[in-house]
Every structure is written in structure tokens, then in C-alpha cells.
Protein backbone atom coordinates (compact mmCIF):
# COMPACT_ATOMS: atom_id res chain seq x y z
CA MET A 1 -31.32 -18.77 9.26
CA LYS A 2 -27.84 -18.62 7.73
CA THR A 3 -27.88 -14.85 8.06
CA ILE A 4 -28.57 -14.97 11.78
CA VAL A 5 -25.80 -17.49 12.34
CA THR A 6 -23.40 -15.39 10.27
CA LEU A 7 -24.30 -12.23 12.15
CA LEU A 8 -23.74 -13.99 15.45
CA ALA A 9 -20.35 -15.21 14.22
CA VAL A 10 -19.39 -11.67 13.14
CA ALA A 11 -20.47 -10.34 16.53
CA ALA A 12 -18.44 -13.04 18.31
CA PHE A 13 -15.31 -12.15 16.33
CA ALA A 14 -15.86 -8.47 17.00
CA LEU A 15 -16.20 -9.12 20.73
CA ALA A 16 -13.00 -11.15 20.70
CA ALA A 17 -11.06 -8.19 19.27
CA ASN A 18 -9.80 -5.30 21.39
CA ALA A 19 -12.47 -2.84 22.43
CA ALA A 20 -10.52 0.00 20.82
CA ASP A 21 -10.41 -1.82 17.48
CA ALA A 22 -14.08 -2.82 17.53
CA LYS A 23 -15.45 0.58 18.55
CA GLY A 24 -18.46 1.24 16.35
CA CYS A 25 -18.20 -2.11 14.58
CA LEU A 26 -20.85 -4.00 16.51
CA LYS A 27 -23.59 -1.42 16.13
CA GLY A 28 -22.73 -0.93 12.44
CA ALA A 29 -22.64 -4.66 11.79
CA VAL A 30 -26.06 -5.21 13.34
CA VAL A 31 -27.67 -2.32 11.49
CA GLY A 32 -25.95 -3.20 8.22
CA GLY A 33 -26.81 -6.89 8.55
CA VAL A 34 -30.49 -6.19 9.11
CA ALA A 35 -30.61 -3.67 6.28
CA GLY A 36 -28.76 -6.03 3.94
CA HIS A 37 -31.08 -8.89 4.83
CA TYR A 38 -34.16 -6.89 3.93
CA ALA A 39 -32.52 -5.46 0.80
CA GLY A 40 -32.14 -8.71 -1.06
CA HIS A 41 -30.85 -11.28 1.44
CA HIS A 42 -27.35 -9.82 1.58
CA GLY A 43 -27.03 -9.73 5.36
CA VAL A 44 -23.37 -10.72 5.45
CA LEU A 45 -22.35 -8.02 3.00
CA GLY A 46 -24.43 -5.51 4.92
CA ALA A 47 -22.79 -6.53 8.20
CA ILE A 48 -19.32 -6.15 6.73
CA ALA A 49 -20.11 -2.76 5.25
CA GLY A 50 -21.83 -1.64 8.45
CA CYS A 51 -18.84 -2.66 10.53
CA ALA A 52 -16.47 -0.75 8.26
CA TYR A 53 -18.66 2.36 8.35
CA GLY A 54 -19.12 2.12 12.12
CA ARG A 55 -15.37 1.99 12.70
CA HIS A 56 -14.83 4.91 10.32
CA HIS A 57 -17.50 6.98 12.07
CA ALA A 58 -16.06 6.18 15.54
CA LYS A 59 -12.57 7.22 14.42
CA GLU A 60 -13.91 10.51 13.03
CA GLN A 61 -15.68 11.27 16.30
CA ALA A 62 -12.56 10.47 18.32
CA ARG A 63 -10.47 12.71 16.08
CA GLN A 64 -12.95 15.60 16.49
CA GLN A 65 -12.92 15.21 20.28
CA GLN A 66 -9.12 15.34 20.32
CA ASP A 67 -9.01 18.45 18.12
CA ALA A 68 -11.72 20.36 20.01
CA PRO A 69 -9.73 21.18 23.22
CA ALA A 70 -6.78 22.52 21.22
CA ALA A 71 -9.03 24.88 19.25
CA GLN A 72 -10.65 26.19 22.44
CA GLN A 73 -7.32 26.97 24.11
CA ASN A 74 -6.35 29.46 21.38
CA GLN A 75 -9.48 31.57 21.82
CA PRO A 76 -9.77 34.30 24.46
CA PRO A 77 -12.64 34.11 26.95
CA ALA A 78 -15.98 35.50 25.79
CA GLY A 79 -16.13 39.29 26.02
CA GLN A 80 -12.36 39.67 26.21
CA GLU A 81 -11.39 39.83 22.56
CA LYS A 82 -8.06 41.38 21.66
CA LEU A 83 -8.31 44.98 20.54
């Protein structure tokens, strides 16, 4: 019961933060909390770790999306390679 209350509190704090800061945190916290609960009643630690990983993963995806258009601009259209 404590784990559920703690997870709800973590989710409430995450929702109170900016959407840009919490991107990936909620999904990671839920998955990590459930996994931590079943892996030895460590739901809070799992939620914290899941939130951290979710934010890291979201930042990596955002960085890849920003880099992708720049890499495509330097390439010639298909079939028109420089000779």
C-alpha cells in the first residue's frame, strides 16, 4: 500500500513540473516502480531509477531528431551523386 501511495506522489510531483522537464519521466517511473515492487518491494527506488532513465532516453531521442535534418541536408538527392 505504501508503494502505491509513493508512486502516486511521484506522479503528482512529475505532473507539477514543466512538461519539457518531465518528458519520459512518468512512463519510466511507472514501469520502474512496478518492476521494483516485484523485484523485492523496492518500488520507490525503481520509480526513481525509471524516471531518470526515461528522461535520459527522451533527451537522446530529441537530440537524434535535431541532428537528423542537418545530416540529410548535406547529402545530394538519390541518383545524383557527385562524380
